[in-house]
Amino acid sequence: MEETEIQYTLIRSARKTLSLSVDREGGVIVRAPRGASAREIAAFVRRHARWIEKRRAALAAAPVPDFTDGAILTLYGRRYTVAAGRTRIGGDTVYLPAEGRERALAALLKRLAKDYMGNLTAIYAERYGFSYQSVRITSARGRWGSCNANGAIAFSFRTAFLSEAQARYVAVHELCHTRHLDHSPAFWREVEEIIPDCAAIRASLRAASVVMTWL
């Protein structure tokens, strides 16, 4: 039987590697270097056909996010009730406008993540002697965080949907990259020295990756 061709949206940029993701509606998004050939990209998608199938099944079974009035949002491990109003967090309530609610929430979470992840990064850098250049917040869907060779760290604003322990792990993971740019045994040893249960947290992050399709 002939394989069904997988349709995808292609986004080219200055990146060095190919990556793919599946959005909430099951659409496949491929991010590719500007110089990658169409044949190379198509082969990459075919190699990941089983992963795409499993990802689509997981998304279909995953809970749909609820941002309506009275819904509960858990942000960095703290529970908030959603209510109508000017976009802000007040006490245990997240206030969102009636129109453009998801866009407003995304903007709010970017500010929250900047404070929360920036503070976590500073605390663990001082505690364990790491040096980094800066922290910025992105809309990345493919990974929770990143660190470049200059020590500039970036976090997805969707880390706001993680627990305190998960967010702490993400911050430490990227700080360890300021000393080890790869995922060498030395890198993982350093992560584990700081977070002994890092393997269990990594597994929980894979399960939590459904939130990357939100907003």
N, C-alpha and C. Protein backbone atom coordinates (compact mmCIF):
# COMPACT_ATOMS: atom_id res chain seq x y z
N MET A 1 0.85 -1.20 0.00
CA MET A 1 0.00 0.00 0.00
C MET A 1 0.89 1.25 0.00
N GLU A 2 0.52 2.24 -0.78
CA GLU A 2 1.30 3.48 -0.86
C GLU A 2 1.05 4.33 0.39
N GLU A 3 2.13 4.88 0.96
CA GLU A 3 2.02 5.72 2.15
C GLU A 3 1.31 7.02 1.81
N THR A 4 0.46 7.49 2.72
CA THR A 4 -0.20 8.77 2.55
C THR A 4 0.81 9.87 2.85
N GLU A 5 0.90 10.83 1.96
CA GLU A 5 1.84 11.93 2.15
C GLU A 5 1.38 12.81 3.30
N ILE A 6 2.29 13.16 4.17
CA ILE A 6 1.97 14.01 5.31
C ILE A 6 2.09 15.47 4.90
N GLN A 7 1.01 16.21 5.02
CA GLN A 7 1.02 17.63 4.71
C GLN A 7 1.60 18.40 5.90
N TYR A 8 2.33 19.47 5.61
CA TYR A 8 2.92 20.24 6.69
C TYR A 8 3.11 21.69 6.28
N THR A 9 3.21 22.53 7.29
CA THR A 9 3.53 23.95 7.10
C THR A 9 5.03 24.12 7.32
N LEU A 10 5.70 24.75 6.40
CA LEU A 10 7.16 24.91 6.47
C LEU A 10 7.52 26.33 6.87
N ILE A 11 8.39 26.44 7.88
CA ILE A 11 8.89 27.74 8.33
C ILE A 11 10.41 27.70 8.26
N ARG A 12 10.97 28.54 7.41
CA ARG A 12 12.43 28.59 7.27
C ARG A 12 12.99 29.76 8.09
N SER A 13 14.17 29.54 8.67
CA SER A 13 14.82 30.60 9.44
C SER A 13 16.33 30.34 9.44
N ALA A 14 17.05 31.10 10.26
CA ALA A 14 18.51 30.97 10.33
C ALA A 14 18.94 29.81 11.22
N ARG A 15 18.01 28.98 11.66
CA ARG A 15 18.34 27.85 12.52
C ARG A 15 19.25 26.87 11.79
N LYS A 16 19.87 25.95 12.56
CA LYS A 16 20.83 25.00 11.99
C LYS A 16 20.26 23.60 11.80
N THR A 17 19.18 23.29 12.48
CA THR A 17 18.64 21.93 12.44
C THR A 17 17.15 21.93 12.06
N LEU A 18 16.68 20.77 11.65
CA LEU A 18 15.26 20.58 11.37
C LEU A 18 14.51 20.20 12.65
N SER A 19 13.30 20.69 12.78
CA SER A 19 12.47 20.27 13.91
C SER A 19 11.02 20.27 13.45
N LEU A 20 10.18 19.54 14.17
CA LEU A 20 8.77 19.56 13.83
C LEU A 20 7.92 19.54 15.08
N SER A 21 6.70 20.02 14.93
CA SER A 21 5.74 20.02 16.02
C SER A 21 4.36 19.79 15.44
N VAL A 22 3.41 19.46 16.31
CA VAL A 22 2.03 19.24 15.91
C VAL A 22 1.16 20.19 16.70
N ASP A 23 0.34 20.99 16.01
CA ASP A 23 -0.47 21.97 16.73
C ASP A 23 -1.76 21.34 17.26
N ARG A 24 -2.55 22.15 17.91
CA ARG A 24 -3.75 21.67 18.59
C ARG A 24 -4.74 21.01 17.63
N GLU A 25 -4.75 21.47 16.38
CA GLU A 25 -5.66 20.92 15.39
C GLU A 25 -5.07 19.71 14.65
N GLY A 26 -3.85 19.30 15.03
CA GLY A 26 -3.22 18.16 14.38
C GLY A 26 -2.36 18.52 13.19
N GLY A 27 -2.22 19.81 12.90
CA GLY A 27 -1.38 20.25 11.80
C GLY A 27 0.09 20.10 12.12
N VAL A 28 0.86 19.70 11.13
CA VAL A 28 2.31 19.50 11.31
C VAL A 28 3.05 20.75 10.88
N ILE A 29 3.96 21.21 11.72
CA ILE A 29 4.76 22.40 11.44
C ILE A 29 6.22 21.98 11.42
N VAL A 30 6.90 22.25 10.32
CA VAL A 30 8.32 21.93 10.19
C VAL A 30 9.11 23.23 10.17
N ARG A 31 10.12 23.30 11.03
CA ARG A 31 11.04 24.44 11.04
C ARG A 31 12.37 23.97 10.47
N ALA A 32 12.86 24.71 9.47
CA ALA A 32 14.03 24.25 8.73
C ALA A 32 15.02 25.38 8.48
N PRO A 33 16.30 25.02 8.34
CA PRO A 33 17.30 26.02 7.93
C PRO A 33 16.95 26.53 6.53
N ARG A 34 17.38 27.72 6.24
CA ARG A 34 17.07 28.31 4.92
C ARG A 34 17.64 27.47 3.78
N GLY A 35 18.76 26.79 4.02
CA GLY A 35 19.40 26.04 2.96
C GLY A 35 18.96 24.60 2.82
N ALA A 36 18.04 24.14 3.66
CA ALA A 36 17.59 22.74 3.59
C ALA A 36 16.79 22.51 2.32
N SER A 37 17.05 21.40 1.64
CA SER A 37 16.35 21.10 0.40
C SER A 37 14.97 20.51 0.68
N ALA A 38 14.09 20.61 -0.32
CA ALA A 38 12.75 20.05 -0.19
C ALA A 38 12.80 18.55 0.03
N ARG A 39 13.74 17.86 -0.66
CA ARG A 39 13.87 16.42 -0.49
C ARG A 39 14.29 16.06 0.94
N GLU A 40 15.24 16.81 1.47
CA GLU A 40 15.71 16.57 2.84
C GLU A 40 14.58 16.77 3.85
N ILE A 41 13.79 17.82 3.65
CA ILE A 41 12.69 18.11 4.57
C ILE A 41 11.62 17.03 4.49
N ALA A 42 11.28 16.61 3.26
CA ALA A 42 10.26 15.57 3.10
C ALA A 42 10.70 14.26 3.74
N ALA A 43 11.98 13.92 3.59
CA ALA A 43 12.50 12.69 4.19
C ALA A 43 12.45 12.78 5.71
N PHE A 44 12.74 13.95 6.25
CA PHE A 44 12.69 14.17 7.70
C PHE A 44 11.27 13.94 8.22
N VAL A 45 10.29 14.46 7.51
CA VAL A 45 8.90 14.28 7.93
C VAL A 45 8.51 12.80 7.86
N ARG A 46 8.91 12.11 6.80
CA ARG A 46 8.58 10.69 6.68
C ARG A 46 9.19 9.86 7.80
N ARG A 47 10.44 10.20 8.19
CA ARG A 47 11.09 9.46 9.28
C ARG A 47 10.35 9.62 10.59
N HIS A 48 9.64 10.71 10.75
CA HIS A 48 8.93 10.98 12.01
C HIS A 48 7.43 10.71 11.90
N ALA A 49 7.03 9.94 10.89
CA ALA A 49 5.61 9.69 10.66
C ALA A 49 4.94 9.03 11.87
N ARG A 50 5.61 8.06 12.48
CA ARG A 50 5.01 7.37 13.64
C ARG A 50 4.87 8.32 14.82
N TRP A 51 5.90 9.17 15.01
CA TRP A 51 5.82 10.15 16.11
C TRP A 51 4.66 11.09 15.87
N ILE A 52 4.48 11.54 14.64
CA ILE A 52 3.38 12.46 14.31
C ILE A 52 2.04 11.79 14.61
N GLU A 53 1.91 10.52 14.23
CA GLU A 53 0.67 9.78 14.49
C GLU A 53 0.39 9.69 15.99
N LYS A 54 1.42 9.35 16.76
CA LYS A 54 1.25 9.24 18.21
C LYS A 54 0.92 10.60 18.83
N ARG A 55 1.57 11.64 18.32
CA ARG A 55 1.34 12.99 18.85
C ARG A 55 -0.08 13.44 18.57
N ARG A 56 -0.57 13.17 17.38
CA ARG A 56 -1.94 13.53 17.06
C ARG A 56 -2.94 12.79 17.94
N ALA A 57 -2.66 11.51 18.21
CA ALA A 57 -3.54 10.72 19.07
C ALA A 57 -3.54 11.26 20.49
N ALA A 58 -2.35 11.65 20.97
CA ALA A 58 -2.25 12.19 22.33
C ALA A 58 -3.00 13.51 22.44
N LEU A 59 -2.89 14.34 21.42
CA LEU A 59 -3.58 15.62 21.44
C LEU A 59 -5.09 15.45 21.39
N ALA A 60 -5.53 14.46 20.62
CA ALA A 60 -6.97 14.21 20.52
C ALA A 60 -7.55 13.76 21.86
N ALA A 61 -6.71 13.07 22.65
CA ALA A 61 -7.18 12.57 23.95
C ALA A 61 -6.93 13.56 25.09
N ALA A 62 -6.15 14.60 24.81
CA ALA A 62 -5.77 15.54 25.86
C ALA A 62 -6.92 16.49 26.19
N PRO A 63 -6.96 16.98 27.43
CA PRO A 63 -8.01 17.93 27.80
C PRO A 63 -7.85 19.25 27.04
N VAL A 64 -8.99 19.82 26.66
CA VAL A 64 -8.99 21.11 25.96
C VAL A 64 -8.87 22.21 27.01
N PRO A 65 -7.98 23.19 26.79
CA PRO A 65 -7.83 24.25 27.79
C PRO A 65 -9.11 25.06 27.94
N ASP A 66 -9.39 25.44 29.16
CA ASP A 66 -10.60 26.21 29.46
C ASP A 66 -10.19 27.54 30.07
N PHE A 67 -10.49 28.63 29.35
CA PHE A 67 -10.15 29.96 29.84
C PHE A 67 -11.41 30.80 30.08
N THR A 68 -12.55 30.12 30.24
CA THR A 68 -13.80 30.83 30.48
C THR A 68 -13.91 31.26 31.93
N ASP A 69 -14.85 32.17 32.22
CA ASP A 69 -15.06 32.62 33.60
C ASP A 69 -15.34 31.44 34.51
N GLY A 70 -14.67 31.42 35.65
CA GLY A 70 -14.86 30.36 36.62
C GLY A 70 -13.92 29.18 36.45
N ALA A 71 -13.21 29.12 35.31
CA ALA A 71 -12.25 28.04 35.08
C ALA A 71 -11.05 28.20 36.01
N ILE A 72 -10.37 27.10 36.28
CA ILE A 72 -9.19 27.12 37.13
C ILE A 72 -7.94 27.02 36.27
N LEU A 73 -7.03 27.95 36.46
CA LEU A 73 -5.73 27.94 35.80
C LEU A 73 -4.66 27.69 36.85
N THR A 74 -3.79 26.73 36.60
CA THR A 74 -2.67 26.49 37.51
C THR A 74 -1.41 27.01 36.85
N LEU A 75 -0.82 28.04 37.46
CA LEU A 75 0.36 28.70 36.90
C LEU A 75 1.51 28.60 37.89
N TYR A 76 2.58 27.94 37.46
CA TYR A 76 3.73 27.68 38.33
C TYR A 76 3.29 27.07 39.66
N GLY A 77 2.32 26.17 39.57
CA GLY A 77 1.90 25.42 40.74
C GLY A 77 0.85 26.09 41.61
N ARG A 78 0.45 27.31 41.26
CA ARG A 78 -0.55 28.04 42.05
C ARG A 78 -1.86 28.10 41.28
N ARG A 79 -2.96 27.85 41.97
CA ARG A 79 -4.27 27.81 41.33
C ARG A 79 -4.92 29.20 41.32
N TYR A 80 -5.47 29.55 40.15
CA TYR A 80 -6.16 30.82 39.97
C TYR A 80 -7.52 30.57 39.33
N THR A 81 -8.47 31.42 39.66
CA THR A 81 -9.78 31.38 39.02
C THR A 81 -9.84 32.46 37.96
N VAL A 82 -10.38 32.12 36.80
CA VAL A 82 -10.49 33.08 35.69
C VAL A 82 -11.77 33.91 35.87
N ALA A 83 -11.63 35.24 35.67
CA ALA A 83 -12.78 36.14 35.75
C ALA A 83 -12.63 37.24 34.70
N ALA A 84 -13.74 37.87 34.34
CA ALA A 84 -13.70 38.94 33.35
C ALA A 84 -13.18 40.23 33.98
N GLY A 85 -12.38 40.94 33.21
CA GLY A 85 -11.86 42.21 33.70
C GLY A 85 -10.61 42.62 32.94
N ARG A 86 -10.01 43.73 33.37
CA ARG A 86 -8.77 44.19 32.76
C ARG A 86 -7.69 43.15 33.01
N THR A 87 -6.89 42.85 31.99
CA THR A 87 -5.90 41.78 32.07
C THR A 87 -4.91 42.01 33.21
N ARG A 88 -4.94 41.09 34.17
CA ARG A 88 -4.02 41.19 35.31
C ARG A 88 -4.21 39.97 36.19
N ILE A 89 -3.30 39.80 37.14
CA ILE A 89 -3.47 38.81 38.21
C ILE A 89 -3.69 39.58 39.50
N GLY A 90 -4.77 39.27 40.17
CA GLY A 90 -5.08 39.91 41.44
C GLY A 90 -5.43 38.87 42.46
N GLY A 91 -4.57 38.68 43.46
CA GLY A 91 -4.81 37.64 44.45
C GLY A 91 -4.80 36.28 43.80
N ASP A 92 -5.90 35.55 43.96
CA ASP A 92 -6.00 34.21 43.36
C ASP A 92 -6.86 34.23 42.10
N THR A 93 -6.93 35.39 41.44
CA THR A 93 -7.77 35.53 40.25
C THR A 93 -6.95 36.02 39.06
N VAL A 94 -7.18 35.40 37.92
CA VAL A 94 -6.63 35.88 36.65
C VAL A 94 -7.77 36.58 35.92
N TYR A 95 -7.63 37.89 35.71
CA TYR A 95 -8.65 38.68 35.02
C TYR A 95 -8.31 38.77 33.54
N LEU A 96 -9.28 38.46 32.69
CA LEU A 96 -9.09 38.49 31.24
C LEU A 96 -10.28 39.17 30.58
N PRO A 97 -10.06 39.87 29.47
CA PRO A 97 -11.17 40.53 28.78
C PRO A 97 -12.10 39.52 28.13
N ALA A 98 -13.30 39.94 27.85
CA ALA A 98 -14.28 39.05 27.21
C ALA A 98 -13.86 38.72 25.78
N GLU A 99 -13.28 39.69 25.08
CA GLU A 99 -12.83 39.49 23.70
C GLU A 99 -11.32 39.35 23.65
N GLY A 100 -10.82 38.50 22.74
CA GLY A 100 -9.38 38.34 22.61
C GLY A 100 -8.74 37.75 23.84
N ARG A 101 -9.45 36.85 24.49
CA ARG A 101 -9.02 36.32 25.78
C ARG A 101 -7.70 35.55 25.70
N GLU A 102 -7.54 34.69 24.69
CA GLU A 102 -6.31 33.91 24.59
C GLU A 102 -5.11 34.80 24.31
N ARG A 103 -5.28 35.80 23.45
CA ARG A 103 -4.19 36.73 23.16
C ARG A 103 -3.79 37.50 24.41
N ALA A 104 -4.77 37.92 25.20
CA ALA A 104 -4.50 38.66 26.43
C ALA A 104 -3.79 37.76 27.44
N LEU A 105 -4.22 36.50 27.53
CA LEU A 105 -3.58 35.58 28.46
C LEU A 105 -2.14 35.32 28.07
N ALA A 106 -1.87 35.16 26.78
CA ALA A 106 -0.50 34.94 26.34
C ALA A 106 0.39 36.11 26.73
N ALA A 107 -0.09 37.34 26.55
CA ALA A 107 0.68 38.52 26.92
C ALA A 107 0.92 38.55 28.43
N LEU A 108 -0.09 38.19 29.20
CA LEU A 108 0.04 38.16 30.65
C LEU A 108 1.06 37.13 31.10
N LEU A 109 1.03 35.95 30.48
CA LEU A 109 1.95 34.88 30.86
C LEU A 109 3.39 35.22 30.48
N LYS A 110 3.58 35.99 29.44
CA LYS A 110 4.93 36.42 29.08
C LYS A 110 5.52 37.29 30.19
N ARG A 111 4.70 38.17 30.74
CA ARG A 111 5.18 39.01 31.84
C ARG A 111 5.43 38.17 33.10
N LEU A 112 4.51 37.24 33.37
CA LEU A 112 4.66 36.38 34.54
C LEU A 112 5.92 35.53 34.42
N ALA A 113 6.13 34.94 33.24
CA ALA A 113 7.29 34.08 33.02
C ALA A 113 8.59 34.86 33.14
N LYS A 114 8.59 36.10 32.67
CA LYS A 114 9.80 36.93 32.76
C LYS A 114 10.21 37.10 34.22
N ASP A 115 9.24 37.38 35.08
CA ASP A 115 9.53 37.56 36.50
C ASP A 115 9.90 36.24 37.16
N TYR A 116 9.07 35.21 36.92
CA TYR A 116 9.24 33.94 37.63
C TYR A 116 10.51 33.22 37.19
N MET A 117 10.67 33.04 35.89
CA MET A 117 11.84 32.31 35.40
C MET A 117 13.11 33.13 35.57
N GLY A 118 12.99 34.45 35.43
CA GLY A 118 14.16 35.30 35.67
C GLY A 118 14.64 35.20 37.10
N ASN A 119 13.68 35.16 38.05
CA ASN A 119 14.03 35.04 39.46
C ASN A 119 14.64 33.68 39.77
N LEU A 120 14.04 32.62 39.24
CA LEU A 120 14.58 31.26 39.45
C LEU A 120 16.00 31.15 38.92
N THR A 121 16.23 31.68 37.74
CA THR A 121 17.55 31.62 37.13
C THR A 121 18.58 32.35 37.97
N ALA A 122 18.21 33.52 38.46
CA ALA A 122 19.13 34.31 39.29
C ALA A 122 19.46 33.58 40.60
N ILE A 123 18.45 32.98 41.20
CA ILE A 123 18.65 32.28 42.48
C ILE A 123 19.61 31.10 42.32
N TYR A 124 19.37 30.27 41.30
CA TYR A 124 20.21 29.09 41.12
C TYR A 124 21.59 29.43 40.56
N ALA A 125 21.68 30.50 39.81
CA ALA A 125 23.00 30.94 39.33
C ALA A 125 23.87 31.37 40.50
N GLU A 126 23.28 32.12 41.41
CA GLU A 126 24.05 32.57 42.58
C GLU A 126 24.38 31.40 43.50
N ARG A 127 23.44 30.50 43.68
CA ARG A 127 23.63 29.39 44.62
C ARG A 127 24.72 28.43 44.14
N TYR A 128 24.81 28.23 42.82
CA TYR A 128 25.75 27.23 42.29
C TYR A 128 26.87 27.82 41.43
N GLY A 129 27.00 29.13 41.44
CA GLY A 129 28.12 29.77 40.78
C GLY A 129 28.06 29.80 39.26
N PHE A 130 26.84 29.82 38.69
CA PHE A 130 26.71 29.94 37.24
C PHE A 130 26.80 31.40 36.82
N SER A 131 27.24 31.61 35.61
CA SER A 131 27.26 32.95 35.03
C SER A 131 26.50 32.92 33.71
N TYR A 132 25.55 33.83 33.53
CA TYR A 132 24.78 33.88 32.29
C TYR A 132 24.64 35.34 31.85
N GLN A 133 24.30 35.51 30.59
CA GLN A 133 24.25 36.86 30.02
C GLN A 133 22.91 37.53 30.24
N SER A 134 21.82 36.83 29.94
CA SER A 134 20.50 37.45 30.00
C SER A 134 19.43 36.37 30.01
N VAL A 135 18.21 36.80 30.33
CA VAL A 135 17.03 35.91 30.26
C VAL A 135 15.96 36.63 29.45
N ARG A 136 15.42 35.94 28.46
CA ARG A 136 14.31 36.50 27.70
C ARG A 136 13.21 35.44 27.57
N ILE A 137 12.02 35.90 27.26
CA ILE A 137 10.86 35.03 27.14
C ILE A 137 10.42 34.99 25.68
N THR A 138 10.16 33.78 25.18
CA THR A 138 9.77 33.59 23.78
C THR A 138 8.42 32.89 23.70
N SER A 139 7.96 32.72 22.47
CA SER A 139 6.72 31.98 22.22
C SER A 139 7.01 30.58 21.71
N ALA A 140 8.21 30.06 21.99
CA ALA A 140 8.63 28.76 21.49
C ALA A 140 7.65 27.66 21.88
N ARG A 141 7.38 26.78 20.91
CA ARG A 141 6.52 25.63 21.16
C ARG A 141 7.30 24.33 21.22
N GLY A 142 8.50 24.32 20.64
CA GLY A 142 9.25 23.07 20.52
C GLY A 142 10.11 22.73 21.72
N ARG A 143 10.39 23.70 22.59
CA ARG A 143 11.22 23.43 23.76
C ARG A 143 10.92 24.44 24.85
N TRP A 144 11.14 24.00 26.09
CA TRP A 144 10.85 24.84 27.25
C TRP A 144 11.87 25.96 27.39
N GLY A 145 13.11 25.68 27.02
CA GLY A 145 14.14 26.70 27.18
C GLY A 145 15.30 26.44 26.25
N SER A 146 16.21 27.40 26.17
CA SER A 146 17.41 27.25 25.36
C SER A 146 18.50 28.16 25.92
N CYS A 147 19.74 27.87 25.54
CA CYS A 147 20.89 28.67 25.98
C CYS A 147 21.90 28.68 24.84
N ASN A 148 22.37 29.86 24.46
CA ASN A 148 23.35 29.90 23.37
C ASN A 148 24.78 29.98 23.93
N ALA A 149 25.75 30.01 23.03
CA ALA A 149 27.15 29.96 23.44
C ALA A 149 27.58 31.18 24.22
N ASN A 150 26.81 32.27 24.13
CA ASN A 150 27.14 33.49 24.87
C ASN A 150 26.51 33.52 26.26
N GLY A 151 25.77 32.47 26.60
CA GLY A 151 25.12 32.44 27.91
C GLY A 151 23.80 33.17 27.96
N ALA A 152 23.21 33.45 26.79
CA ALA A 152 21.89 34.08 26.75
C ALA A 152 20.84 32.97 26.85
N ILE A 153 19.99 33.05 27.85
CA ILE A 153 18.99 32.01 28.12
C ILE A 153 17.62 32.50 27.70
N ALA A 154 16.84 31.60 27.10
CA ALA A 154 15.47 31.91 26.70
C ALA A 154 14.53 30.85 27.25
N PHE A 155 13.34 31.27 27.65
CA PHE A 155 12.31 30.35 28.14
C PHE A 155 11.01 30.61 27.39
N SER A 156 10.28 29.55 27.10
CA SER A 156 8.95 29.71 26.52
C SER A 156 8.00 30.24 27.60
N PHE A 157 7.10 31.14 27.19
CA PHE A 157 6.14 31.64 28.18
C PHE A 157 5.21 30.53 28.66
N ARG A 158 5.17 29.42 27.92
CA ARG A 158 4.31 28.30 28.33
C ARG A 158 4.87 27.54 29.53
N THR A 159 6.08 27.90 29.98
CA THR A 159 6.56 27.34 31.25
C THR A 159 5.63 27.74 32.39
N ALA A 160 4.82 28.78 32.18
CA ALA A 160 3.88 29.21 33.22
C ALA A 160 2.90 28.10 33.59
N PHE A 161 2.67 27.16 32.66
CA PHE A 161 1.74 26.06 32.94
C PHE A 161 2.40 24.90 33.69
N LEU A 162 3.70 25.01 33.96
CA LEU A 162 4.42 23.95 34.65
C LEU A 162 4.30 24.10 36.17
N SER A 163 4.65 23.03 36.86
CA SER A 163 4.69 23.08 38.32
C SER A 163 5.96 23.80 38.76
N GLU A 164 6.06 24.10 40.03
CA GLU A 164 7.27 24.74 40.56
C GLU A 164 8.50 23.86 40.31
N ALA A 165 8.36 22.55 40.57
CA ALA A 165 9.50 21.64 40.40
C ALA A 165 9.92 21.56 38.94
N GLN A 166 8.95 21.52 38.04
CA GLN A 166 9.28 21.45 36.62
C GLN A 166 9.96 22.73 36.14
N ALA A 167 9.46 23.87 36.57
CA ALA A 167 10.06 25.15 36.18
C ALA A 167 11.48 25.27 36.73
N ARG A 168 11.68 24.79 37.96
CA ARG A 168 13.02 24.82 38.56
C ARG A 168 13.98 23.96 37.73
N TYR A 169 13.52 22.79 37.31
CA TYR A 169 14.35 21.92 36.49
C TYR A 169 14.73 22.60 35.18
N VAL A 170 13.77 23.24 34.52
CA VAL A 170 14.04 23.91 33.25
C VAL A 170 15.09 25.00 33.43
N ALA A 171 14.98 25.78 34.51
CA ALA A 171 15.96 26.84 34.77
C ALA A 171 17.35 26.25 34.99
N VAL A 172 17.43 25.20 35.80
CA VAL A 172 18.73 24.57 36.08
C VAL A 172 19.31 23.94 34.82
N HIS A 173 18.46 23.30 34.04
CA HIS A 173 18.90 22.68 32.79
C HIS A 173 19.61 23.70 31.91
N GLU A 174 18.99 24.86 31.74
CA GLU A 174 19.60 25.88 30.88
C GLU A 174 20.84 26.50 31.52
N LEU A 175 20.86 26.64 32.81
CA LEU A 175 22.07 27.15 33.48
C LEU A 175 23.24 26.18 33.28
N CYS A 176 22.96 24.89 33.34
CA CYS A 176 24.03 23.91 33.12
C CYS A 176 24.58 23.99 31.70
N HIS A 177 23.76 24.46 30.78
CA HIS A 177 24.25 24.64 29.41
C HIS A 177 25.23 25.81 29.30
N THR A 178 25.28 26.66 30.28
CA THR A 178 26.29 27.74 30.23
C THR A 178 27.69 27.16 30.43
N ARG A 179 27.77 25.94 30.98
CA ARG A 179 29.06 25.26 31.15
C ARG A 179 29.24 24.11 30.17
N HIS A 180 28.13 23.51 29.75
CA HIS A 180 28.16 22.37 28.82
C HIS A 180 27.12 22.63 27.74
N LEU A 181 27.54 23.01 26.56
CA LEU A 181 26.57 23.34 25.51
C LEU A 181 25.89 22.10 24.93
N ASP A 182 26.47 20.94 25.17
CA ASP A 182 25.88 19.71 24.66
C ASP A 182 25.13 18.98 25.78
N HIS A 183 24.66 17.76 25.47
CA HIS A 183 24.03 16.91 26.48
C HIS A 183 24.96 15.74 26.80
N SER A 184 26.17 16.09 27.13
CA SER A 184 27.20 15.10 27.45
C SER A 184 26.95 14.50 28.83
N PRO A 185 27.62 13.39 29.16
CA PRO A 185 27.51 12.83 30.51
C PRO A 185 27.85 13.86 31.59
N ALA A 186 28.83 14.73 31.31
CA ALA A 186 29.21 15.75 32.29
C ALA A 186 28.05 16.71 32.53
N PHE A 187 27.33 17.05 31.46
CA PHE A 187 26.16 17.92 31.60
C PHE A 187 25.11 17.28 32.51
N TRP A 188 24.76 16.04 32.21
CA TRP A 188 23.72 15.37 32.99
C TRP A 188 24.14 15.15 34.44
N ARG A 189 25.43 14.92 34.66
CA ARG A 189 25.90 14.76 36.05
C ARG A 189 25.67 16.06 36.82
N GLU A 190 25.94 17.19 36.19
CA GLU A 190 25.76 18.46 36.88
C GLU A 190 24.30 18.74 37.16
N VAL A 191 23.43 18.44 36.18
CA VAL A 191 22.00 18.61 36.41
C VAL A 191 21.55 17.75 37.59
N GLU A 192 21.98 16.50 37.61
CA GLU A 192 21.54 15.58 38.66
C GLU A 192 22.08 15.95 40.03
N GLU A 193 23.26 16.55 40.07
CA GLU A 193 23.81 16.99 41.35
C GLU A 193 22.93 18.06 41.99
N ILE A 194 22.32 18.89 41.14
CA ILE A 194 21.47 19.97 41.65
C ILE A 194 20.04 19.49 41.86
N ILE A 195 19.55 18.66 40.94
CA ILE A 195 18.19 18.14 41.02
C ILE A 195 18.25 16.61 40.94
N PRO A 196 18.37 15.94 42.08
CA PRO A 196 18.54 14.48 42.09
C PRO A 196 17.44 13.70 41.39
N ASP A 197 16.21 14.21 41.40
CA ASP A 197 15.11 13.49 40.75
C ASP A 197 14.85 14.01 39.34
N CYS A 198 15.91 14.47 38.68
CA CYS A 198 15.75 15.10 37.36
C CYS A 198 15.15 14.14 36.33
N ALA A 199 15.44 12.84 36.42
CA ALA A 199 14.90 11.89 35.44
C ALA A 199 13.38 11.84 35.51
N ALA A 200 12.84 11.82 36.71
CA ALA A 200 11.39 11.77 36.89
C ALA A 200 10.75 13.08 36.40
N ILE A 201 11.41 14.19 36.66
CA ILE A 201 10.88 15.49 36.23
C ILE A 201 10.90 15.59 34.71
N ARG A 202 11.97 15.09 34.09
CA ARG A 202 12.04 15.09 32.63
C ARG A 202 10.88 14.30 32.03
N ALA A 203 10.57 13.17 32.65
CA ALA A 203 9.45 12.36 32.17
C ALA A 203 8.13 13.12 32.31
N SER A 204 7.97 13.84 33.40
CA SER A 204 6.75 14.60 33.62
C SER A 204 6.64 15.76 32.63
N LEU A 205 7.77 16.30 32.21
CA LEU A 205 7.76 17.38 31.22
C LEU A 205 7.30 16.87 29.86
N ARG A 206 7.69 15.65 29.53
CA ARG A 206 7.21 15.08 28.27
C ARG A 206 5.69 14.93 28.30
N ALA A 207 5.17 14.54 29.44
CA ALA A 207 3.72 14.40 29.57
C ALA A 207 3.02 15.75 29.53
N ALA A 208 3.71 16.79 30.02
CA ALA A 208 3.13 18.14 30.07
C ALA A 208 3.23 18.88 28.76
N SER A 209 3.89 18.29 27.77
CA SER A 209 4.17 19.02 26.53
C SER A 209 2.90 19.40 25.75
N VAL A 210 1.75 18.84 26.12
CA VAL A 210 0.51 19.19 25.46
C VAL A 210 0.24 20.69 25.59
N VAL A 211 0.70 21.34 26.66
CA VAL A 211 0.44 22.76 26.84
C VAL A 211 1.15 23.60 25.78
N MET A 212 2.12 23.01 25.09
CA MET A 212 2.79 23.74 24.02
C MET A 212 1.85 24.06 22.86
N THR A 213 0.71 23.38 22.82
CA THR A 213 -0.27 23.65 21.76
C THR A 213 -1.29 24.70 22.19
N TRP A 214 -1.24 25.11 23.45
CA TRP A 214 -2.21 26.09 23.95
C TRP A 214 -1.80 27.49 23.54
N LEU A 215 -2.77 28.33 23.41
CA LEU A 215 -2.58 29.75 23.07
C LEU A 215 -1.88 29.89 21.72
